[in-house]
Protein backbone atom coordinates (compact mmCIF):
# COMPACT_ATOMS: atom_id res chain seq x y z
CA MET A 1 0.08 0.03 0.06
CA PRO A 2 2.93 2.67 0.51
CA ASP A 3 3.91 2.22 -2.90
CA LEU A 4 0.27 3.57 -3.98
CA TRP A 5 0.49 6.71 -1.83
CA PHE A 6 4.03 7.51 -3.26
CA VAL A 7 3.13 7.15 -7.01
CA ALA A 8 -0.21 9.40 -6.34
CA GLY A 9 1.93 11.96 -4.16
CA LEU A 10 4.41 11.70 -7.02
CA ALA A 11 1.80 12.27 -9.66
CA ILE A 12 0.09 15.18 -7.88
CA GLY A 13 3.65 16.83 -7.39
CA VAL A 14 4.62 16.53 -11.03
CA ALA A 15 1.29 17.88 -12.09
CA ILE A 16 1.66 21.09 -9.78
CA THR A 17 4.87 21.71 -10.92
CA GLY A 18 3.87 21.34 -14.58
CA PHE A 19 1.23 23.93 -14.15
CA CYS A 20 3.58 26.10 -12.06
CA ALA A 21 6.12 25.84 -15.14
CA VAL A 22 3.48 26.42 -17.39
CA GLY A 23 1.98 29.72 -15.62
CA SER A 24 5.68 31.04 -15.08
CA PHE A 25 6.40 30.53 -18.92
CA ASP A 26 3.22 32.28 -19.71
CA ARG A 27 3.82 35.21 -17.34
CA GLY A 28 7.32 35.39 -18.75
CA ALA A 29 6.27 35.71 -22.52
CA ASP A 30 3.57 38.29 -21.35
CA SER A 31 6.34 40.14 -19.68
CA VAL A 32 8.65 40.03 -22.73
CA ARG A 33 5.79 41.29 -24.59
CA ARG A 34 4.94 43.97 -22.50
CA GLY A 35 8.53 45.04 -22.29
CA ALA A 36 8.64 45.27 -26.15
CA TRP A 37 5.30 47.25 -26.27
CA SER A 38 6.71 49.31 -23.24
CA LEU A 39 10.13 50.16 -25.29
CA GLU A 40 7.96 51.03 -28.38
CA LEU A 41 5.73 53.46 -26.33
CA ALA A 42 9.01 54.99 -24.71
CA ALA A 43 10.41 55.84 -28.39
CA ARG A 44 6.94 57.14 -29.63
CA GLN A 45 6.95 59.27 -26.64
CA ARG A 46 10.57 60.38 -27.14
CA ALA A 47 9.68 61.07 -30.91
CA VAL A 48 6.59 63.17 -29.87
CA ILE A 49 8.81 65.19 -27.49
CA LEU A 50 11.53 65.85 -29.81
CA SER A 51 9.09 66.70 -32.85
CA GLU A 52 7.30 69.23 -30.48
CA ARG A 53 10.63 70.90 -29.42
CA ARG A 54 11.63 71.02 -33.03
CA LEU A 55 8.21 72.70 -34.17
CA ASN A 56 8.56 74.97 -31.27
CA ALA A 57 12.01 75.93 -32.50
CA LEU A 58 10.79 76.31 -36.05
CA VAL A 59 8.35 78.63 -35.02
CA ALA A 60 10.20 80.45 -32.79
CA ARG A 61 12.68 80.75 -35.83
CA ARG A 62 9.82 81.83 -38.33
CA SER A 63 8.29 84.39 -35.87
CA ARG A 64 11.86 85.80 -35.58
CA ARG A 65 12.32 85.87 -39.34
CA HIS A 66 8.93 87.61 -39.88
CA GLU A 67 9.69 90.18 -37.21
CA LEU A 68 13.03 90.81 -38.94
CA ILE A 69 11.37 91.10 -42.23
CA HIS A 70 8.82 93.57 -41.05
CA GLU A 71 11.60 95.54 -39.37
CA ILE A 72 13.68 95.59 -42.53
CA ASP A 73 10.66 96.76 -44.72
CA ARG A 74 9.83 99.45 -41.92
CA LEU A 75 13.28 100.93 -42.25
CA ARG A 76 13.17 100.71 -46.12
CA ARG A 77 10.00 102.85 -46.10
CA ALA A 78 11.58 105.01 -43.44
CA ILE A 79 14.42 105.40 -45.98
CA THR A 80 12.55 106.16 -48.76
CA ARG A 81 10.39 108.67 -47.45
CA ARG A 82 13.39 110.98 -46.67
CA PRO A 83 13.75 113.95 -49.43
CA THR A 84 16.62 113.04 -51.76
CA THR A 85 17.80 116.42 -52.66
CA GLY A 86 21.36 117.74 -52.97
CA ASP A 87 21.04 119.40 -49.42
CA PRO A 88 23.28 117.05 -47.17
CA ARG A 89 21.00 117.88 -43.91
CA HIS A 90 18.22 115.88 -45.65
CA ARG A 91 20.29 112.30 -46.12
CA GLY A 92 21.13 112.86 -42.02
CA LEU A 93 24.68 113.49 -43.03
CA VAL A 94 25.09 116.99 -41.16
CA ALA A 95 22.94 118.24 -38.47
CA ALA A 96 20.67 121.26 -38.93
CA PRO A 97 21.64 124.21 -37.10
CA ASN A 98 18.17 125.03 -36.19
CA SER A 99 15.82 121.89 -35.15
CA LEU A 100 12.97 123.27 -37.00
CA GLU A 101 14.91 123.87 -40.03
CA GLY A 102 15.34 119.92 -40.43
CA LEU A 103 11.22 119.52 -40.39
CA ALA A 104 10.74 121.96 -43.41
């Protein structure tokens, strides 16, 4: 009779060990899949952050360039409004002796 209990205990032990092994393998496989998914998620998040930074830098550059273009246009208009007669005071090369004289 003791041989029967030995065989029954051994069978139950093998079955429990088998279920534990299969469960561990399944959890490990899920963990590997989850790890790859986590890596992909992290890579996508980094790409989004970098693209946002690049976009912000591009917008800032374009905004600054836009400001510079407007400033250049404003200066060109200011220069072309000045009279171009032969009098050097009109070109801003010589200070006018009287401040009202330059306005005339």
